Amino acid sequence: MANHSSATAQEHTPHVNRTTRTNTIINALKERAQSVLNDETLDPESRAILRHALERNDPWLAEMLRRADVTPDASREKIEALAEIICRAGEESATALLVLMGILQNSTEPKALANTAKHFAFTRCGELNVNGMVDAQIAVLESELFAGESVR
């Protein structure tokens, strides 16, 4: 085979702008995380999770920060109050569920609010499960749900 002397090998140099921009974004993200950690209006549990994510350079840190920003205390309190009513399974739980669904539907950040409700509900269920009460309730609800139906 013939060698083509007109072609010259080019040296590969890293893309300096990309590296610099990435470092700038990472630094800004870390600064934002630090400012959120210093904000004492954020609950201690959320701050602990963010601190851990920051220390481990978690790739989900940006998403966690976004969610921490979109759930103001007033909304959080309202979501937790509605979740509490729903967890009690009283007469007003259906109404509370309807209100919660309306809040989620009209929210600009429904996922963040839904995660807040889910987190609170799981925490509350854990508290209720001290004596296996949740397991007993689940068994009763399951038997009522599938009563008269053949489940394989």
C-alpha atoms as a PDB file:
ATOM      1  CA  MET A   1       0.000   0.000   0.000  1.00  0.00           C
ATOM      2  CA  ALA A   2       1.174   3.481  -0.703  1.00  0.00           C
ATOM      3  CA  ASN A   3       1.700   6.060   2.034  1.00  0.00           C
ATOM      4  CA  HIS A   4       0.105   9.429   1.537  1.00  0.00           C
ATOM      5  CA  SER A   5       2.591  12.020   2.649  1.00  0.00           C
ATOM      6  CA  SER A   6       0.124  14.872   2.176  1.00  0.00           C
ATOM      7  CA  ALA A   7      -1.856  13.826   5.254  1.00  0.00           C
ATOM      8  CA  THR A   8      -0.356  14.987   8.522  1.00  0.00           C
ATOM      9  CA  ALA A   9      -1.225  13.650  11.936  1.00  0.00           C
ATOM     10  CA  GLN A  10      -2.893  16.185  14.196  1.00  0.00           C
ATOM     11  CA  GLU A  11      -2.202  16.270  17.866  1.00  0.00           C
ATOM     12  CA  HIS A  12      -5.229  15.721  20.085  1.00  0.00           C
ATOM     13  CA  THR A  13      -5.664  18.466  22.632  1.00  0.00           C
ATOM     14  CA  PRO A  14      -8.398  18.382  25.277  1.00  0.00           C
ATOM     15  CA  HIS A  15     -11.258  20.784  24.859  1.00  0.00           C
ATOM     16  CA  VAL A  16     -10.281  23.443  27.373  1.00  0.00           C
ATOM     17  CA  ASN A  17     -13.573  25.354  27.232  1.00  0.00           C
ATOM     18  CA  ARG A  18     -15.651  22.271  28.069  1.00  0.00           C
ATOM     19  CA  THR A  19     -13.507  21.435  31.102  1.00  0.00           C
ATOM     20  CA  THR A  20     -13.593  25.005  32.360  1.00  0.00           C
ATOM     21  CA  ARG A  21     -17.375  25.288  31.900  1.00  0.00           C
ATOM     22  CA  THR A  22     -17.981  21.978  33.663  1.00  0.00           C
ATOM     23  CA  ASN A  23     -15.816  23.041  36.595  1.00  0.00           C
ATOM     24  CA  THR A  24     -17.670  26.352  36.771  1.00  0.00           C
ATOM     25  CA  ILE A  25     -21.021  24.560  36.894  1.00  0.00           C
ATOM     26  CA  ILE A  26     -19.803  22.125  39.542  1.00  0.00           C
ATOM     27  CA  ASN A  27     -18.406  24.948  41.661  1.00  0.00           C
ATOM     28  CA  ALA A  28     -21.651  26.919  41.367  1.00  0.00           C
ATOM     29  CA  LEU A  29     -23.633  23.822  42.344  1.00  0.00           C
ATOM     30  CA  LYS A  30     -21.443  23.265  45.398  1.00  0.00           C
ATOM     31  CA  GLU A  31     -21.799  26.919  46.419  1.00  0.00           C
ATOM     32  CA  ARG A  32     -25.578  26.680  46.055  1.00  0.00           C
ATOM     33  CA  ALA A  33     -25.623  23.488  48.131  1.00  0.00           C
ATOM     34  CA  GLN A  34     -23.591  25.185  50.841  1.00  0.00           C
ATOM     35  CA  SER A  35     -25.979  28.142  50.957  1.00  0.00           C
ATOM     36  CA  VAL A  36     -28.972  25.785  51.231  1.00  0.00           C
ATOM     37  CA  LEU A  37     -27.207  23.901  54.042  1.00  0.00           C
ATOM     38  CA  ASN A  38     -26.758  27.201  55.888  1.00  0.00           C
ATOM     39  CA  ASP A  39     -30.485  27.998  55.546  1.00  0.00           C
ATOM     40  CA  GLU A  40     -32.014  26.985  58.857  1.00  0.00           C
ATOM     41  CA  THR A  41     -35.577  27.128  57.526  1.00  0.00           C
ATOM     42  CA  LEU A  42     -34.913  23.833  55.725  1.00  0.00           C
ATOM     43  CA  ASP A  43     -35.692  20.876  57.954  1.00  0.00           C
ATOM     44  CA  PRO A  44     -32.700  19.111  59.547  1.00  0.00           C
ATOM     45  CA  GLU A  45     -33.372  15.801  57.778  1.00  0.00           C
ATOM     46  CA  SER A  46     -33.290  17.403  54.332  1.00  0.00           C
ATOM     47  CA  ARG A  47     -30.129  19.290  55.243  1.00  0.00           C
ATOM     48  CA  ALA A  48     -28.471  16.041  56.358  1.00  0.00           C
ATOM     49  CA  ILE A  49     -29.362  14.374  53.054  1.00  0.00           C
ATOM     50  CA  LEU A  50     -28.026  17.331  51.081  1.00  0.00           C
ATOM     51  CA  ARG A  51     -24.840  17.436  53.170  1.00  0.00           C
ATOM     52  CA  HIS A  52     -24.251  13.745  52.484  1.00  0.00           C
ATOM     53  CA  ALA A  53     -24.887  14.219  48.754  1.00  0.00           C
ATOM     54  CA  LEU A  54     -22.485  17.161  48.649  1.00  0.00           C
ATOM     55  CA  GLU A  55     -19.755  15.229  50.453  1.00  0.00           C
ATOM     56  CA  ARG A  56     -20.086  12.269  48.097  1.00  0.00           C
ATOM     57  CA  ASN A  57     -20.389  14.368  44.922  1.00  0.00           C
ATOM     58  CA  ASP A  58     -23.748  12.733  44.262  1.00  0.00           C
ATOM     59  CA  PRO A  59     -24.852  13.161  40.627  1.00  0.00           C
ATOM     60  CA  TRP A  60     -28.402  13.877  41.864  1.00  0.00           C
ATOM     61  CA  LEU A  61     -27.301  16.861  43.955  1.00  0.00           C
ATOM     62  CA  ALA A  62     -28.681  19.378  41.441  1.00  0.00           C
ATOM     63  CA  GLU A  63     -32.091  17.680  41.491  1.00  0.00           C
ATOM     64  CA  MET A  64     -32.083  17.550  45.292  1.00  0.00           C
ATOM     65  CA  LEU A  65     -31.307  21.267  45.463  1.00  0.00           C
ATOM     66  CA  ARG A  66     -34.079  22.050  42.987  1.00  0.00           C
ATOM     67  CA  ARG A  67     -36.576  20.127  45.089  1.00  0.00           C
ATOM     68  CA  ALA A  68     -35.419  21.773  48.301  1.00  0.00           C
ATOM     69  CA  ASP A  69     -36.095  25.160  46.702  1.00  0.00           C
ATOM     70  CA  VAL A  70     -39.599  24.452  45.394  1.00  0.00           C
ATOM     71  CA  THR A  71     -41.275  23.305  48.586  1.00  0.00           C
ATOM     72  CA  PRO A  72     -41.765  26.396  50.723  1.00  0.00           C
ATOM     73  CA  ASP A  73     -42.538  25.824  54.396  1.00  0.00           C
ATOM     74  CA  ALA A  74     -46.200  26.873  54.022  1.00  0.00           C
ATOM     75  CA  SER A  75     -46.784  24.365  51.223  1.00  0.00           C
ATOM     76  CA  ARG A  76     -44.839  21.707  53.108  1.00  0.00           C
ATOM     77  CA  GLU A  77     -46.962  22.235  56.217  1.00  0.00           C
ATOM     78  CA  LYS A  78     -50.162  22.052  54.181  1.00  0.00           C
ATOM     79  CA  ILE A  79     -49.005  18.868  52.394  1.00  0.00           C
ATOM     80  CA  GLU A  80     -48.032  17.260  55.706  1.00  0.00           C
ATOM     81  CA  ALA A  81     -51.369  18.214  57.277  1.00  0.00           C
ATOM     82  CA  LEU A  82     -53.268  16.689  54.363  1.00  0.00           C
ATOM     83  CA  ALA A  83     -51.127  13.539  54.455  1.00  0.00           C
ATOM     84  CA  GLU A  84     -51.782  13.253  58.184  1.00  0.00           C
ATOM     85  CA  ILE A  85     -55.545  13.438  57.605  1.00  0.00           C
ATOM     86  CA  ILE A  86     -55.301  10.831  54.844  1.00  0.00           C
ATOM     87  CA  CYS A  87     -53.187   8.505  57.037  1.00  0.00           C
ATOM     88  CA  ARG A  88     -55.772   8.639  59.821  1.00  0.00           C
ATOM     89  CA  ALA A  89     -58.301   7.117  57.382  1.00  0.00           C
ATOM     90  CA  GLY A  90     -61.192   9.020  58.951  1.00  0.00           C
ATOM     91  CA  GLU A  91     -64.295  10.422  57.281  1.00  0.00           C
ATOM     92  CA  GLU A  92     -62.413  13.455  55.987  1.00  0.00           C
ATOM     93  CA  SER A  93     -59.573  11.471  54.361  1.00  0.00           C
ATOM     94  CA  ALA A  94     -61.299  11.363  50.951  1.00  0.00           C
ATOM     95  CA  THR A  95     -61.719  15.141  51.063  1.00  0.00           C
ATOM     96  CA  ALA A  96     -58.072  15.595  52.067  1.00  0.00           C
ATOM     97  CA  LEU A  97     -56.995  13.357  49.195  1.00  0.00           C
ATOM     98  CA  LEU A  98     -59.063  15.419  46.757  1.00  0.00           C
ATOM     99  CA  VAL A  99     -57.519  18.662  48.062  1.00  0.00           C
ATOM    100  CA  LEU A 100     -54.023  17.155  47.827  1.00  0.00           C
ATOM    101  CA  MET A 101     -54.652  16.077  44.229  1.00  0.00           C
ATOM    102  CA  GLY A 102     -55.843  19.605  43.398  1.00  0.00           C
ATOM    103  CA  ILE A 103     -52.721  21.144  44.913  1.00  0.00           C
ATOM    104  CA  LEU A 104     -50.528  18.752  42.929  1.00  0.00           C
ATOM    105  CA  GLN A 105     -52.439  19.412  39.706  1.00  0.00           C
ATOM    106  CA  ASN A 106     -52.100  23.182  40.024  1.00  0.00           C
ATOM    107  CA  SER A 107     -48.486  23.171  41.206  1.00  0.00           C
ATOM    108  CA  THR A 108     -45.593  24.219  39.007  1.00  0.00           C
ATOM    109  CA  GLU A 109     -43.558  21.475  40.724  1.00  0.00           C
ATOM    110  CA  PRO A 110     -45.968  18.580  41.320  1.00  0.00           C
ATOM    111  CA  LYS A 111     -43.196  15.976  41.621  1.00  0.00           C
ATOM    112  CA  ALA A 112     -41.512  17.835  44.450  1.00  0.00           C
ATOM    113  CA  LEU A 113     -44.783  18.238  46.343  1.00  0.00           C
ATOM    114  CA  ALA A 114     -45.727  14.591  45.709  1.00  0.00           C
ATOM    115  CA  ASN A 115     -42.348  13.513  47.054  1.00  0.00           C
ATOM    116  CA  THR A 116     -42.944  15.644  50.145  1.00  0.00           C
ATOM    117  CA  ALA A 117     -46.303  13.948  50.692  1.00  0.00           C
ATOM    118  CA  LYS A 118     -44.811  10.509  50.065  1.00  0.00           C
ATOM    119  CA  HIS A 119     -41.917  11.136  52.441  1.00  0.00           C
ATOM    120  CA  PHE A 120     -44.242  12.330  55.191  1.00  0.00           C
ATOM    121  CA  ALA A 121     -46.655   9.417  54.669  1.00  0.00           C
ATOM    122  CA  PHE A 122     -43.849   6.844  54.880  1.00  0.00           C
ATOM    123  CA  THR A 123     -42.496   8.510  58.011  1.00  0.00           C
ATOM    124  CA  ARG A 124     -45.954   8.593  59.560  1.00  0.00           C
ATOM    125  CA  CYS A 125     -46.603   4.961  58.656  1.00  0.00           C
ATOM    126  CA  GLY A 126     -43.308   4.024  60.295  1.00  0.00           C
ATOM    127  CA  GLU A 127     -44.398   5.815  63.454  1.00  0.00           C
ATOM    128  CA  LEU A 128     -47.748   4.029  63.414  1.00  0.00           C
ATOM    129  CA  ASN A 129     -46.084   0.675  62.852  1.00  0.00           C
ATOM    130  CA  VAL A 130     -44.584   0.575  66.340  1.00  0.00           C
ATOM    131  CA  ASN A 131     -46.737  -2.407  67.274  1.00  0.00           C
ATOM    132  CA  GLY A 132     -47.363  -3.754  63.784  1.00  0.00           C
ATOM    133  CA  MET A 133     -50.519  -1.672  63.409  1.00  0.00           C
ATOM    134  CA  VAL A 134     -49.816  -0.793  59.771  1.00  0.00           C
ATOM    135  CA  ASP A 135     -49.246  -4.446  58.855  1.00  0.00           C
ATOM    136  CA  ALA A 136     -52.543  -5.336  60.477  1.00  0.00           C
ATOM    137  CA  GLN A 137     -54.299  -2.479  58.660  1.00  0.00           C
ATOM    138  CA  ILE A 138     -52.809  -3.540  55.333  1.00  0.00           C
ATOM    139  CA  ALA A 139     -54.043  -7.102  55.845  1.00  0.00           C
ATOM    140  CA  VAL A 140     -57.563  -5.856  56.609  1.00  0.00           C
ATOM    141  CA  LEU A 141     -57.577  -3.460  53.643  1.00  0.00           C
ATOM    142  CA  GLU A 142     -56.249  -6.153  51.316  1.00  0.00           C
ATOM    143  CA  SER A 143     -58.923  -8.629  52.380  1.00  0.00           C
ATOM    144  CA  GLU A 144     -61.628  -5.998  51.886  1.00  0.00           C
ATOM    145  CA  LEU A 145     -60.198  -4.921  48.547  1.00  0.00           C
ATOM    146  CA  PHE A 146     -60.097  -8.415  47.125  1.00  0.00           C
ATOM    147  CA  ALA A 147     -63.252  -9.735  48.809  1.00  0.00           C
ATOM    148  CA  GLY A 148     -65.319 -11.627  46.280  1.00  0.00           C
ATOM    149  CA  GLU A 149     -62.602 -11.521  43.640  1.00  0.00           C
ATOM    150  CA  SER A 150     -60.467 -14.413  42.578  1.00  0.00           C
ATOM    151  CA  VAL A 151     -56.826 -13.361  42.757  1.00  0.00           C
ATOM    152  CA  ARG A 152     -54.275 -15.819  41.446  1.00  0.00           C
END
